[in-house]
ModelCIF file with pLDDT and N, C-alpha, C, O atoms, coordinates in Angstrom:
data_MODEL
#
_entry.id   MODEL 
#
_entity.id                         1 
_entity.type                       polymer 
_entity.pdbx_number_of_molecules   1 
#
_entity_poly.entity_id                      1 
_entity_poly.type                           'polypeptide(L)' 
_entity_poly.nstd_linkage                   no 
_entity_poly.nstd_monomer                   no 
_entity_poly.pdbx_seq_one_letter_code       MAPTCNVWHLLGGLPILSASSFLFAAGLFPGAWIGGLILSRAVLCTN 
_entity_poly.pdbx_seq_one_letter_code_can   MAPTCNVWHLLGGLPILSASSFLFAAGLFPGAWIGGLILSRAVLCTN 
_entity_poly.pdbx_strand_id                 A 
#
loop_
_entity_poly_seq.entity_id 
_entity_poly_seq.num 
_entity_poly_seq.mon_id 
_entity_poly_seq.hetero 
1 1  MET n 
1 2  ALA n 
1 3  PRO n 
1 4  THR n 
1 5  CYS n 
1 6  ASN n 
1 7  VAL n 
1 8  TRP n 
1 9  HIS n 
1 10 LEU n 
1 11 LEU n 
1 12 GLY n 
1 13 GLY n 
1 14 LEU n 
1 15 PRO n 
1 16 ILE n 
1 17 LEU n 
1 18 SER n 
1 19 ALA n 
1 20 SER n 
1 21 SER n 
1 22 PHE n 
1 23 LEU n 
1 24 PHE n 
1 25 ALA n 
1 26 ALA n 
1 27 GLY n 
1 28 LEU n 
1 29 PHE n 
1 30 PRO n 
1 31 GLY n 
1 32 ALA n 
1 33 TRP n 
1 34 ILE n 
1 35 GLY n 
1 36 GLY n 
1 37 LEU n 
1 38 ILE n 
1 39 LEU n 
1 40 SER n 
1 41 ARG n 
1 42 ALA n 
1 43 VAL n 
1 44 LEU n 
1 45 CYS n 
1 46 THR n 
1 47 ASN n 
#
_struct_asym.id          A 
_struct_asym.entity_id   1 
#
loop_
_ma_qa_metric.id 
_ma_qa_metric.mode 
_ma_qa_metric.name 
_ma_qa_metric.software_group_id 
_ma_qa_metric.type 
1 global pLDDT . pLDDT 
2 local  pLDDT . pLDDT 
#
_ma_qa_metric_global.metric_id      1 
_ma_qa_metric_global.metric_value   91.09 
_ma_qa_metric_global.model_id       1 
_ma_qa_metric_global.ordinal_id     1 
#
loop_
_ma_qa_metric_local.label_asym_id 
_ma_qa_metric_local.label_comp_id 
_ma_qa_metric_local.label_seq_id 
_ma_qa_metric_local.metric_id 
_ma_qa_metric_local.metric_value 
_ma_qa_metric_local.model_id 
_ma_qa_metric_local.ordinal_id 
A MET 1  2 96.00 1 1  
A ALA 2  2 94.00 1 2  
A PRO 3  2 90.00 1 3  
A THR 4  2 87.00 1 4  
A CYS 5  2 87.00 1 5  
A ASN 6  2 90.00 1 6  
A VAL 7  2 91.00 1 7  
A TRP 8  2 93.00 1 8  
A HIS 9  2 95.00 1 9  
A LEU 10 2 94.00 1 10 
A LEU 11 2 93.00 1 11 
A GLY 12 2 95.00 1 12 
A GLY 13 2 96.00 1 13 
A LEU 14 2 97.00 1 14 
A PRO 15 2 97.00 1 15 
A ILE 16 2 98.00 1 16 
A LEU 17 2 98.00 1 17 
A SER 18 2 97.00 1 18 
A ALA 19 2 97.00 1 19 
A SER 20 2 97.00 1 20 
A SER 21 2 97.00 1 21 
A PHE 22 2 97.00 1 22 
A LEU 23 2 97.00 1 23 
A PHE 24 2 97.00 1 24 
A ALA 25 2 96.00 1 25 
A ALA 26 2 97.00 1 26 
A GLY 27 2 97.00 1 27 
A LEU 28 2 96.00 1 28 
A PHE 29 2 96.00 1 29 
A PRO 30 2 96.00 1 30 
A GLY 31 2 97.00 1 31 
A ALA 32 2 96.00 1 32 
A TRP 33 2 96.00 1 33 
A ILE 34 2 96.00 1 34 
A GLY 35 2 95.00 1 35 
A GLY 36 2 93.00 1 36 
A LEU 37 2 93.00 1 37 
A ILE 38 2 93.00 1 38 
A LEU 39 2 91.00 1 39 
A SER 40 2 88.00 1 40 
A ARG 41 2 86.00 1 41 
A ALA 42 2 85.00 1 42 
A VAL 43 2 84.00 1 43 
A LEU 44 2 74.00 1 44 
A CYS 45 2 63.00 1 45 
A THR 46 2 52.00 1 46 
A ASN 47 2 51.00 1 47 
#
loop_
_atom_site.group_PDB 
_atom_site.id 
_atom_site.type_symbol 
_atom_site.label_atom_id 
_atom_site.label_alt_id 
_atom_site.label_comp_id 
_atom_site.label_asym_id 
_atom_site.label_entity_id 
_atom_site.label_seq_id 
_atom_site.pdbx_PDB_ins_code 
_atom_site.Cartn_x 
_atom_site.Cartn_y 
_atom_site.Cartn_z 
_atom_site.occupancy 
_atom_site.B_iso_or_equiv 
_atom_site.pdbx_formal_charge 
_atom_site.auth_seq_id 
_atom_site.auth_comp_id 
_atom_site.auth_asym_id 
_atom_site.auth_atom_id 
_atom_site.pdbx_PDB_model_num 
ATOM 1   N N  . MET A 1 1  ? -5.213 -104.027 -66.912 1.00 96.00 ? 1  MET A N  1 
ATOM 2   C CA . MET A 1 1  ? -4.877 -102.898 -66.108 1.00 96.00 ? 1  MET A CA 1 
ATOM 3   C C  . MET A 1 1  ? -3.764 -102.131 -66.719 1.00 96.00 ? 1  MET A C  1 
ATOM 4   O O  . MET A 1 1  ? -3.731 -100.915 -66.530 1.00 96.00 ? 1  MET A O  1 
ATOM 5   N N  . ALA A 1 2  ? -2.836 -102.718 -67.441 1.00 94.00 ? 2  ALA A N  1 
ATOM 6   C CA . ALA A 1 2  ? -1.573 -102.077 -67.889 1.00 94.00 ? 2  ALA A CA 1 
ATOM 7   C C  . ALA A 1 2  ? -1.751 -100.913 -68.884 1.00 94.00 ? 2  ALA A C  1 
ATOM 8   O O  . ALA A 1 2  ? -1.027 -99.927  -68.745 1.00 94.00 ? 2  ALA A O  1 
ATOM 9   N N  . PRO A 1 3  ? -2.623 -100.951 -69.834 1.00 90.00 ? 3  PRO A N  1 
ATOM 10  C CA . PRO A 1 3  ? -3.271 -102.103 -70.461 1.00 90.00 ? 3  PRO A CA 1 
ATOM 11  C C  . PRO A 1 3  ? -2.326 -102.827 -71.426 1.00 90.00 ? 3  PRO A C  1 
ATOM 12  O O  . PRO A 1 3  ? -1.248 -102.310 -71.721 1.00 90.00 ? 3  PRO A O  1 
ATOM 13  N N  . THR A 1 4  ? -2.706 -104.014 -71.925 1.00 87.00 ? 4  THR A N  1 
ATOM 14  C CA . THR A 1 4  ? -2.014 -104.997 -72.690 1.00 87.00 ? 4  THR A CA 1 
ATOM 15  C C  . THR A 1 4  ? -0.886 -105.654 -71.985 1.00 87.00 ? 4  THR A C  1 
ATOM 16  O O  . THR A 1 4  ? -0.583 -105.348 -70.832 1.00 87.00 ? 4  THR A O  1 
ATOM 17  N N  . CYS A 1 5  ? -0.232 -106.605 -72.713 1.00 87.00 ? 5  CYS A N  1 
ATOM 18  C CA . CYS A 1 5  ? 0.657  -107.566 -72.091 1.00 87.00 ? 5  CYS A CA 1 
ATOM 19  C C  . CYS A 1 5  ? 2.091  -107.318 -72.440 1.00 87.00 ? 5  CYS A C  1 
ATOM 20  O O  . CYS A 1 5  ? 2.443  -106.343 -73.104 1.00 87.00 ? 5  CYS A O  1 
ATOM 21  N N  . ASN A 1 6  ? 2.973  -108.297 -71.939 1.00 90.00 ? 6  ASN A N  1 
ATOM 22  C CA . ASN A 1 6  ? 4.430  -108.173 -72.172 1.00 90.00 ? 6  ASN A CA 1 
ATOM 23  C C  . ASN A 1 6  ? 4.813  -108.184 -73.664 1.00 90.00 ? 6  ASN A C  1 
ATOM 24  O O  . ASN A 1 6  ? 5.675  -107.444 -74.138 1.00 90.00 ? 6  ASN A O  1 
ATOM 25  N N  . VAL A 1 7  ? 4.102  -109.081 -74.359 1.00 91.00 ? 7  VAL A N  1 
ATOM 26  C CA . VAL A 1 7  ? 4.476  -109.156 -75.829 1.00 91.00 ? 7  VAL A CA 1 
ATOM 27  C C  . VAL A 1 7  ? 4.240  -107.824 -76.533 1.00 91.00 ? 7  VAL A C  1 
ATOM 28  O O  . VAL A 1 7  ? 5.077  -107.349 -77.300 1.00 91.00 ? 7  VAL A O  1 
ATOM 29  N N  . TRP A 1 8  ? 3.060  -107.226 -76.248 1.00 93.00 ? 8  TRP A N  1 
ATOM 30  C CA . TRP A 1 8  ? 2.711  -105.945 -76.911 1.00 93.00 ? 8  TRP A CA 1 
ATOM 31  C C  . TRP A 1 8  ? 3.643  -104.823 -76.458 1.00 93.00 ? 8  TRP A C  1 
ATOM 32  O O  . TRP A 1 8  ? 4.042  -104.012 -77.294 1.00 93.00 ? 8  TRP A O  1 
ATOM 33  N N  . HIS A 1 9  ? 4.015  -104.732 -75.160 1.00 95.00 ? 9  HIS A N  1 
ATOM 34  C CA . HIS A 1 9  ? 4.896  -103.688 -74.759 1.00 95.00 ? 9  HIS A CA 1 
ATOM 35  C C  . HIS A 1 9  ? 6.263  -103.957 -75.123 1.00 95.00 ? 9  HIS A C  1 
ATOM 36  O O  . HIS A 1 9  ? 6.857  -103.087 -75.759 1.00 95.00 ? 9  HIS A O  1 
ATOM 37  N N  . LEU A 1 10 ? 6.921  -105.148 -74.784 1.00 94.00 ? 10 LEU A N  1 
ATOM 38  C CA . LEU A 1 10 ? 8.215  -105.499 -75.041 1.00 94.00 ? 10 LEU A CA 1 
ATOM 39  C C  . LEU A 1 10 ? 8.737  -105.624 -76.482 1.00 94.00 ? 10 LEU A C  1 
ATOM 40  O O  . LEU A 1 10 ? 9.790  -105.122 -76.875 1.00 94.00 ? 10 LEU A O  1 
ATOM 41  N N  . LEU A 1 11 ? 7.845  -106.384 -77.261 1.00 93.00 ? 11 LEU A N  1 
ATOM 42  C CA . LEU A 1 11 ? 8.170  -106.611 -78.599 1.00 93.00 ? 11 LEU A CA 1 
ATOM 43  C C  . LEU A 1 11 ? 7.601  -105.651 -79.604 1.00 93.00 ? 11 LEU A C  1 
ATOM 44  O O  . LEU A 1 11 ? 7.952  -105.680 -80.783 1.00 93.00 ? 11 LEU A O  1 
ATOM 45  N N  . GLY A 1 12 ? 6.720  -104.800 -79.133 1.00 95.00 ? 12 GLY A N  1 
ATOM 46  C CA . GLY A 1 12 ? 6.084  -103.783 -79.972 1.00 95.00 ? 12 GLY A CA 1 
ATOM 47  C C  . GLY A 1 12 ? 6.418  -102.365 -79.530 1.00 95.00 ? 12 GLY A C  1 
ATOM 48  O O  . GLY A 1 12 ? 6.982  -101.547 -80.256 1.00 95.00 ? 12 GLY A O  1 
ATOM 49  N N  . GLY A 1 13 ? 6.034  -102.147 -78.313 1.00 96.00 ? 13 GLY A N  1 
ATOM 50  C CA . GLY A 1 13 ? 6.163  -100.721 -77.724 1.00 96.00 ? 13 GLY A CA 1 
ATOM 51  C C  . GLY A 1 13 ? 7.619  -100.291 -77.643 1.00 96.00 ? 13 GLY A C  1 
ATOM 52  O O  . GLY A 1 13 ? 8.005  -99.241  -78.157 1.00 96.00 ? 13 GLY A O  1 
ATOM 53  N N  . LEU A 1 14 ? 8.471  -101.178 -76.945 1.00 97.00 ? 14 LEU A N  1 
ATOM 54  C CA . LEU A 1 14 ? 9.813  -100.791 -76.671 1.00 97.00 ? 14 LEU A CA 1 
ATOM 55  C C  . LEU A 1 14 ? 10.571 -100.470 -78.002 1.00 97.00 ? 14 LEU A C  1 
ATOM 56  O O  . LEU A 1 14 ? 11.267 -99.456  -78.055 1.00 97.00 ? 14 LEU A O  1 
ATOM 57  N N  . PRO A 1 15 ? 10.465 -101.245 -78.998 1.00 97.00 ? 15 PRO A N  1 
ATOM 58  C CA . PRO A 1 15 ? 11.201 -100.879 -80.211 1.00 97.00 ? 15 PRO A CA 1 
ATOM 59  C C  . PRO A 1 15 ? 10.886 -99.533  -80.822 1.00 97.00 ? 15 PRO A C  1 
ATOM 60  O O  . PRO A 1 15 ? 11.707 -98.977  -81.552 1.00 97.00 ? 15 PRO A O  1 
ATOM 61  N N  . ILE A 1 16 ? 9.704  -98.997  -80.535 1.00 98.00 ? 16 ILE A N  1 
ATOM 62  C CA . ILE A 1 16 ? 9.419  -97.643  -81.005 1.00 98.00 ? 16 ILE A CA 1 
ATOM 63  C C  . ILE A 1 16 ? 9.515  -96.561  -79.924 1.00 98.00 ? 16 ILE A C  1 
ATOM 64  O O  . ILE A 1 16 ? 9.071  -95.425  -80.093 1.00 98.00 ? 16 ILE A O  1 
ATOM 65  N N  . LEU A 1 17 ? 10.113 -96.971  -78.818 1.00 98.00 ? 17 LEU A N  1 
ATOM 66  C CA . LEU A 1 17 ? 10.426 -96.208  -77.698 1.00 98.00 ? 17 LEU A CA 1 
ATOM 67  C C  . LEU A 1 17 ? 9.098  -95.582  -77.046 1.00 98.00 ? 17 LEU A C  1 
ATOM 68  O O  . LEU A 1 17 ? 9.044  -94.400  -76.706 1.00 98.00 ? 17 LEU A O  1 
ATOM 69  N N  . SER A 1 18 ? 8.081  -96.441  -76.911 1.00 97.00 ? 18 SER A N  1 
ATOM 70  C CA . SER A 1 18 ? 6.864  -96.075  -76.241 1.00 97.00 ? 18 SER A CA 1 
ATOM 71  C C  . SER A 1 18 ? 7.123  -95.820  -74.749 1.00 97.00 ? 18 SER A C  1 
ATOM 72  O O  . SER A 1 18 ? 7.736  -96.647  -74.073 1.00 97.00 ? 18 SER A O  1 
ATOM 73  N N  . ALA A 1 19 ? 6.652  -94.671  -74.239 1.00 97.00 ? 19 ALA A N  1 
ATOM 74  C CA . ALA A 1 19 ? 6.804  -94.390  -72.811 1.00 97.00 ? 19 ALA A CA 1 
ATOM 75  C C  . ALA A 1 19 ? 6.130  -95.201  -71.893 1.00 97.00 ? 19 ALA A C  1 
ATOM 76  O O  . ALA A 1 19 ? 6.609  -95.485  -70.795 1.00 97.00 ? 19 ALA A O  1 
ATOM 77  N N  . SER A 1 20 ? 4.890  -95.640  -72.347 1.00 97.00 ? 20 SER A N  1 
ATOM 78  C CA . SER A 1 20 ? 4.089  -96.544  -71.518 1.00 97.00 ? 20 SER A CA 1 
ATOM 79  C C  . SER A 1 20 ? 4.802  -97.901  -71.410 1.00 97.00 ? 20 SER A C  1 
ATOM 80  O O  . SER A 1 20 ? 4.806  -98.521  -70.346 1.00 97.00 ? 20 SER A O  1 
ATOM 81  N N  . SER A 1 21 ? 5.400  -98.353  -72.512 1.00 97.00 ? 21 SER A N  1 
ATOM 82  C CA . SER A 1 21 ? 6.149  -99.614  -72.476 1.00 97.00 ? 21 SER A CA 1 
ATOM 83  C C  . SER A 1 21 ? 7.335  -99.644  -71.590 1.00 97.00 ? 21 SER A C  1 
ATOM 84  O O  . SER A 1 21 ? 7.677  -100.671 -71.005 1.00 97.00 ? 21 SER A O  1 
ATOM 85  N N  . PHE A 1 22 ? 7.957  -98.524  -71.494 1.00 97.00 ? 22 PHE A N  1 
ATOM 86  C CA . PHE A 1 22 ? 9.070  -98.427  -70.521 1.00 97.00 ? 22 PHE A CA 1 
ATOM 87  C C  . PHE A 1 22 ? 8.693  -98.438  -69.048 1.00 97.00 ? 22 PHE A C  1 
ATOM 88  O O  . PHE A 1 22 ? 9.430  -98.890  -68.171 1.00 97.00 ? 22 PHE A O  1 
ATOM 89  N N  . LEU A 1 23 ? 7.458  -97.893  -68.835 1.00 97.00 ? 23 LEU A N  1 
ATOM 90  C CA . LEU A 1 23 ? 6.878  -97.986  -67.547 1.00 97.00 ? 23 LEU A CA 1 
ATOM 91  C C  . LEU A 1 23 ? 6.431  -99.436  -67.214 1.00 97.00 ? 23 LEU A C  1 
ATOM 92  O O  . LEU A 1 23 ? 6.605  -99.915  -66.094 1.00 97.00 ? 23 LEU A O  1 
ATOM 93  N N  . PHE A 1 24 ? 5.848  -100.113 -68.235 1.00 97.00 ? 24 PHE A N  1 
ATOM 94  C CA . PHE A 1 24 ? 5.477  -101.499 -68.068 1.00 97.00 ? 24 PHE A CA 1 
ATOM 95  C C  . PHE A 1 24 ? 6.664  -102.306 -67.699 1.00 97.00 ? 24 PHE A C  1 
ATOM 96  O O  . PHE A 1 24 ? 6.615  -103.023 -66.699 1.00 97.00 ? 24 PHE A O  1 
ATOM 97  N N  . ALA A 1 25 ? 7.775  -102.238 -68.470 1.00 96.00 ? 25 ALA A N  1 
ATOM 98  C CA . ALA A 1 25 ? 8.974  -103.045 -68.316 1.00 96.00 ? 25 ALA A CA 1 
ATOM 99  C C  . ALA A 1 25 ? 9.575  -102.652 -66.810 1.00 96.00 ? 25 ALA A C  1 
ATOM 100 O O  . ALA A 1 25 ? 10.053 -103.549 -66.114 1.00 96.00 ? 25 ALA A O  1 
ATOM 101 N N  . ALA A 1 26 ? 9.535  -101.379 -66.371 1.00 97.00 ? 26 ALA A N  1 
ATOM 102 C CA . ALA A 1 26 ? 10.043 -101.077 -65.055 1.00 97.00 ? 26 ALA A CA 1 
ATOM 103 C C  . ALA A 1 26 ? 9.229  -101.775 -63.962 1.00 97.00 ? 26 ALA A C  1 
ATOM 104 O O  . ALA A 1 26 ? 9.783  -102.120 -62.919 1.00 97.00 ? 26 ALA A O  1 
ATOM 105 N N  . GLY A 1 27 ? 7.991  -101.979 -64.168 1.00 97.00 ? 27 GLY A N  1 
ATOM 106 C CA . GLY A 1 27 ? 7.183  -102.738 -63.228 1.00 97.00 ? 27 GLY A CA 1 
ATOM 107 C C  . GLY A 1 27 ? 7.354  -104.218 -63.332 1.00 97.00 ? 27 GLY A C  1 
ATOM 108 O O  . GLY A 1 27 ? 7.222  -104.941 -62.345 1.00 97.00 ? 27 GLY A O  1 
ATOM 109 N N  . LEU A 1 28 ? 7.649  -104.680 -64.532 1.00 96.00 ? 28 LEU A N  1 
ATOM 110 C CA . LEU A 1 28 ? 7.745  -106.126 -64.869 1.00 96.00 ? 28 LEU A CA 1 
ATOM 111 C C  . LEU A 1 28 ? 8.865  -106.799 -64.069 1.00 96.00 ? 28 LEU A C  1 
ATOM 112 O O  . LEU A 1 28 ? 8.709  -107.897 -63.534 1.00 96.00 ? 28 LEU A O  1 
ATOM 113 N N  . PHE A 1 29 ? 10.039 -106.068 -64.009 1.00 96.00 ? 29 PHE A N  1 
ATOM 114 C CA . PHE A 1 29 ? 11.198 -106.763 -63.285 1.00 96.00 ? 29 PHE A CA 1 
ATOM 115 C C  . PHE A 1 29 ? 11.030 -106.957 -61.904 1.00 96.00 ? 29 PHE A C  1 
ATOM 116 O O  . PHE A 1 29 ? 11.302 -108.076 -61.468 1.00 96.00 ? 29 PHE A O  1 
ATOM 117 N N  . PRO A 1 30 ? 10.585 -105.976 -61.028 1.00 96.00 ? 30 PRO A N  1 
ATOM 118 C CA . PRO A 1 30 ? 10.384 -106.291 -59.636 1.00 96.00 ? 30 PRO A CA 1 
ATOM 119 C C  . PRO A 1 30 ? 9.212  -107.273 -59.481 1.00 96.00 ? 30 PRO A C  1 
ATOM 120 O O  . PRO A 1 30 ? 9.261  -108.110 -58.580 1.00 96.00 ? 30 PRO A O  1 
ATOM 121 N N  . GLY A 1 31 ? 8.246  -107.216 -60.248 1.00 97.00 ? 31 GLY A N  1 
ATOM 122 C CA . GLY A 1 31 ? 7.098  -108.156 -60.187 1.00 97.00 ? 31 GLY A CA 1 
ATOM 123 C C  . GLY A 1 31 ? 7.537  -109.576 -60.413 1.00 97.00 ? 31 GLY A C  1 
ATOM 124 O O  . GLY A 1 31 ? 7.122  -110.508 -59.724 1.00 97.00 ? 31 GLY A O  1 
ATOM 125 N N  . ALA A 1 32 ? 8.438  -109.714 -61.457 1.00 96.00 ? 32 ALA A N  1 
ATOM 126 C CA . ALA A 1 32 ? 8.923  -111.117 -61.784 1.00 96.00 ? 32 ALA A CA 1 
ATOM 127 C C  . ALA A 1 32 ? 9.765  -111.568 -60.548 1.00 96.00 ? 32 ALA A C  1 
ATOM 128 O O  . ALA A 1 32 ? 9.737  -112.742 -60.178 1.00 96.00 ? 32 ALA A O  1 
ATOM 129 N N  . TRP A 1 33 ? 10.533 -110.597 -59.899 1.00 96.00 ? 33 TRP A N  1 
ATOM 130 C CA . TRP A 1 33 ? 11.366 -111.047 -58.743 1.00 96.00 ? 33 TRP A CA 1 
ATOM 131 C C  . TRP A 1 33 ? 10.459 -111.494 -57.587 1.00 96.00 ? 33 TRP A C  1 
ATOM 132 O O  . TRP A 1 33 ? 10.733 -112.503 -56.939 1.00 96.00 ? 33 TRP A O  1 
ATOM 133 N N  . ILE A 1 34 ? 9.398  -110.755 -57.335 1.00 96.00 ? 34 ILE A N  1 
ATOM 134 C CA . ILE A 1 34 ? 8.473  -111.112 -56.301 1.00 96.00 ? 34 ILE A CA 1 
ATOM 135 C C  . ILE A 1 34 ? 7.789  -112.538 -56.666 1.00 96.00 ? 34 ILE A C  1 
ATOM 136 O O  . ILE A 1 34 ? 7.606  -113.392 -55.799 1.00 96.00 ? 34 ILE A O  1 
ATOM 137 N N  . GLY A 1 35 ? 7.460  -112.704 -57.900 1.00 95.00 ? 35 GLY A N  1 
ATOM 138 C CA . GLY A 1 35 ? 6.841  -113.932 -58.360 1.00 95.00 ? 35 GLY A CA 1 
ATOM 139 C C  . GLY A 1 35 ? 7.822  -115.110 -58.138 1.00 95.00 ? 35 GLY A C  1 
ATOM 140 O O  . GLY A 1 35 ? 7.453  -116.185 -57.666 1.00 95.00 ? 35 GLY A O  1 
ATOM 141 N N  . GLY A 1 36 ? 9.090  -114.839 -58.505 1.00 93.00 ? 36 GLY A N  1 
ATOM 142 C CA . GLY A 1 36 ? 10.062 -115.836 -58.239 1.00 93.00 ? 36 GLY A CA 1 
ATOM 143 C C  . GLY A 1 36 ? 10.343 -116.295 -56.831 1.00 93.00 ? 36 GLY A C  1 
ATOM 144 O O  . GLY A 1 36 ? 10.688 -117.453 -56.592 1.00 93.00 ? 36 GLY A O  1 
ATOM 145 N N  . LEU A 1 37 ? 10.191 -115.371 -55.900 1.00 93.00 ? 37 LEU A N  1 
ATOM 146 C CA . LEU A 1 37 ? 10.251 -115.678 -54.508 1.00 93.00 ? 37 LEU A CA 1 
ATOM 147 C C  . LEU A 1 37 ? 9.138  -116.544 -54.060 1.00 93.00 ? 37 LEU A C  1 
ATOM 148 O O  . LEU A 1 37 ? 9.335  -117.504 -53.314 1.00 93.00 ? 37 LEU A O  1 
ATOM 149 N N  . ILE A 1 38 ? 7.878  -116.189 -54.543 1.00 93.00 ? 38 ILE A N  1 
ATOM 150 C CA . ILE A 1 38 ? 6.741  -116.968 -54.212 1.00 93.00 ? 38 ILE A CA 1 
ATOM 151 C C  . ILE A 1 38 ? 6.803  -118.342 -54.712 1.00 93.00 ? 38 ILE A C  1 
ATOM 152 O O  . ILE A 1 38 ? 6.498  -119.311 -54.017 1.00 93.00 ? 38 ILE A O  1 
ATOM 153 N N  . LEU A 1 39 ? 7.245  -118.422 -56.055 1.00 91.00 ? 39 LEU A N  1 
ATOM 154 C CA . LEU A 1 39 ? 7.417  -119.673 -56.670 1.00 91.00 ? 39 LEU A CA 1 
ATOM 155 C C  . LEU A 1 39 ? 8.426  -120.640 -55.977 1.00 91.00 ? 39 LEU A C  1 
ATOM 156 O O  . LEU A 1 39 ? 8.141  -121.816 -55.746 1.00 91.00 ? 39 LEU A O  1 
ATOM 157 N N  . SER A 1 40 ? 9.597  -120.084 -55.669 1.00 88.00 ? 40 SER A N  1 
ATOM 158 C CA . SER A 1 40 ? 10.592 -120.982 -55.040 1.00 88.00 ? 40 SER A CA 1 
ATOM 159 C C  . SER A 1 40 ? 10.293 -121.360 -53.650 1.00 88.00 ? 40 SER A C  1 
ATOM 160 O O  . SER A 1 40 ? 10.602 -122.475 -53.229 1.00 88.00 ? 40 SER A O  1 
ATOM 161 N N  . ARG A 1 41 ? 9.676  -120.436 -52.881 1.00 86.00 ? 41 ARG A N  1 
ATOM 162 C CA . ARG A 1 41 ? 9.456  -120.789 -51.399 1.00 86.00 ? 41 ARG A CA 1 
ATOM 163 C C  . ARG A 1 41 ? 8.162  -121.382 -51.116 1.00 86.00 ? 41 ARG A C  1 
ATOM 164 O O  . ARG A 1 41 ? 8.029  -122.083 -50.113 1.00 86.00 ? 41 ARG A O  1 
ATOM 165 N N  . ALA A 1 42 ? 7.169  -121.157 -51.933 1.00 85.00 ? 42 ALA A N  1 
ATOM 166 C CA . ALA A 1 42 ? 5.798  -121.645 -51.570 1.00 85.00 ? 42 ALA A CA 1 
ATOM 167 C C  . ALA A 1 42 ? 5.196  -122.717 -52.498 1.00 85.00 ? 42 ALA A C  1 
ATOM 168 O O  . ALA A 1 42 ? 4.218  -123.389 -52.169 1.00 85.00 ? 42 ALA A O  1 
ATOM 169 N N  . VAL A 1 43 ? 5.848  -122.842 -53.699 1.00 84.00 ? 43 VAL A N  1 
ATOM 170 C CA . VAL A 1 43 ? 5.303  -123.783 -54.697 1.00 84.00 ? 43 VAL A CA 1 
ATOM 171 C C  . VAL A 1 43 ? 6.245  -124.899 -54.994 1.00 84.00 ? 43 VAL A C  1 
ATOM 172 O O  . VAL A 1 43 ? 5.863  -126.053 -54.800 1.00 84.00 ? 43 VAL A O  1 
ATOM 173 N N  . LEU A 1 44 ? 7.498  -124.647 -55.469 1.00 74.00 ? 44 LEU A N  1 
ATOM 174 C CA . LEU A 1 44 ? 8.369  -125.699 -55.943 1.00 74.00 ? 44 LEU A CA 1 
ATOM 175 C C  . LEU A 1 44 ? 9.280  -126.174 -54.880 1.00 74.00 ? 44 LEU A C  1 
ATOM 176 O O  . LEU A 1 44 ? 9.787  -127.285 -55.036 1.00 74.00 ? 44 LEU A O  1 
ATOM 177 N N  . CYS A 1 45 ? 9.566  -125.470 -53.797 1.00 63.00 ? 45 CYS A N  1 
ATOM 178 C CA . CYS A 1 45 ? 10.484 -126.010 -52.771 1.00 63.00 ? 45 CYS A CA 1 
ATOM 179 C C  . CYS A 1 45 ? 9.727  -126.754 -51.701 1.00 63.00 ? 45 CYS A C  1 
ATOM 180 O O  . CYS A 1 45 ? 8.812  -126.221 -51.074 1.00 63.00 ? 45 CYS A O  1 
ATOM 181 N N  . THR A 1 46 ? 10.113 -127.965 -51.507 1.00 52.00 ? 46 THR A N  1 
ATOM 182 C CA . THR A 1 46 ? 9.460  -128.869 -50.512 1.00 52.00 ? 46 THR A CA 1 
ATOM 183 C C  . THR A 1 46 ? 10.225 -128.810 -49.272 1.00 52.00 ? 46 THR A C  1 
ATOM 184 O O  . THR A 1 46 ? 9.716  -129.333 -48.280 1.00 52.00 ? 46 THR A O  1 
ATOM 185 N N  . ASN A 1 47 ? 11.412 -128.233 -49.170 1.00 51.00 ? 47 ASN A N  1 
ATOM 186 C CA . ASN A 1 47 ? 12.163 -127.958 -47.980 1.00 51.00 ? 47 ASN A CA 1 
ATOM 187 C C  . ASN A 1 47 ? 12.459 -126.529 -47.736 1.00 51.00 ? 47 ASN A C  1 
ATOM 188 O O  . ASN A 1 47 ? 13.099 -126.192 -46.740 1.00 51.00 ? 47 ASN A O  1 
#
């Protein structure tokens, strides 16, 4: 959907200042935060 992944955008696109890669990174941070909340509260935490 992005299209392509974090490696392509962060390690390839960002170094040449690709605009689409900046947008991908902007979405990646809040997404990872939401993923962390789900992981900690619903998966790893037994209490």
